[in-house]
Amino acid sequence: MDNVAEILRTKKADILRQLSGIEAPQGELGSISFGKRVGEGTSMAVDRLSQVAVHDKLQVTLSDVERALEKLEDGT
């Protein structure tokens, strides 16, 4: 059981590291224009939407890991 708890703690640390990278302030956020053509602004928006989706999935996984750790501690 200690091995499982250690794996979960390692996974939690990894998730937190990934979340901190995603949540870090982005570089240039000024004057992004969205025109009829796909340009840098559109690419940045698509990238950001992808990051939001990854962030949401990591949050769910983090909750699952924390719940599993609690169950291990409770012995359930």
Protein backbone atom coordinates (compact mmCIF):
# COMPACT_ATOMS: atom_id res chain seq x y z
CA MET A 1 0.00 0.00 0.00
CA ASP A 2 2.93 2.36 0.66
CA ASN A 3 4.04 1.87 -2.93
CA VAL A 4 0.62 2.93 -4.23
CA ALA A 5 0.60 5.99 -1.99
CA GLU A 6 4.07 6.97 -3.23
CA ILE A 7 2.97 6.59 -6.85
CA LEU A 8 -0.07 8.78 -6.16
CA ARG A 9 2.05 11.42 -4.41
CA THR A 10 4.45 11.48 -7.37
CA LYS A 11 1.51 11.79 -9.77
CA LYS A 12 0.07 14.64 -7.69
CA ALA A 13 3.38 16.51 -7.74
CA ASP A 14 3.62 16.03 -11.51
CA ILE A 15 0.08 17.34 -12.03
CA LEU A 16 0.74 20.37 -9.82
CA ARG A 17 3.92 21.11 -11.81
CA GLN A 18 1.99 20.91 -15.08
CA LEU A 19 -0.78 23.12 -13.75
CA SER A 20 1.68 25.77 -12.59
CA GLY A 21 3.16 25.86 -16.09
CA ILE A 22 -0.25 26.30 -17.67
CA GLU A 23 -1.39 28.87 -15.11
CA ALA A 24 1.75 31.01 -15.50
CA PRO A 25 1.06 34.39 -17.11
CA GLN A 26 1.38 34.32 -20.87
CA GLY A 27 3.91 36.51 -22.66
CA GLU A 28 2.52 38.99 -25.15
CA LEU A 29 -1.18 39.48 -24.65
CA GLY A 30 -1.51 42.87 -26.30
CA SER A 31 -2.92 43.75 -29.71
CA ILE A 32 -4.04 40.41 -31.07
CA SER A 33 -6.14 40.91 -34.16
CA PHE A 34 -8.60 38.46 -35.62
CA GLY A 35 -9.32 38.95 -39.29
CA LYS A 36 -10.69 36.82 -42.09
CA ARG A 37 -7.41 34.96 -42.46
CA VAL A 38 -5.84 32.63 -39.97
CA GLY A 39 -3.08 34.62 -38.39
CA GLU A 40 -1.04 34.77 -35.24
CA GLY A 41 -4.01 35.92 -33.14
CA THR A 42 -6.12 33.00 -34.27
CA SER A 43 -3.29 30.56 -33.61
CA MET A 44 -2.77 32.01 -30.15
CA ALA A 45 -6.48 31.67 -29.40
CA VAL A 46 -6.54 28.03 -30.54
CA ASP A 47 -3.43 27.30 -28.45
CA ARG A 48 -5.03 28.90 -25.42
CA LEU A 49 -8.23 26.91 -25.86
CA SER A 50 -6.14 23.74 -25.98
CA GLN A 51 -4.37 24.79 -22.78
CA VAL A 52 -7.71 25.40 -21.07
CA ALA A 53 -8.89 21.91 -22.03
CA VAL A 54 -5.67 20.37 -20.70
CA HIS A 55 -5.97 22.43 -17.51
CA ASP A 56 -9.53 21.20 -16.94
CA LYS A 57 -8.50 17.57 -17.48
CA LEU A 58 -5.55 17.97 -15.08
CA GLN A 59 -7.88 19.44 -12.44
CA VAL A 60 -10.16 16.39 -12.72
CA THR A 61 -7.19 14.01 -12.51
CA LEU A 62 -5.81 15.92 -9.52
CA SER A 63 -9.14 15.53 -7.73
CA ASP A 64 -9.12 11.80 -8.49
CA VAL A 65 -5.58 11.41 -7.16
CA GLU A 66 -6.38 13.38 -3.98
CA ARG A 67 -9.49 11.24 -3.43
CA ALA A 68 -7.47 8.05 -3.89
CA LEU A 69 -4.89 9.28 -1.36
CA GLU A 70 -7.64 10.06 1.14
CA LYS A 71 -9.11 6.57 0.69
CA LEU A 72 -5.70 5.00 1.24
CA GLU A 73 -5.23 7.01 4.42
CA ASP A 74 -8.70 5.99 5.62
CA GLY A 75 -8.01 2.37 4.67
CA THR A 76 -11.11 2.17 2.51
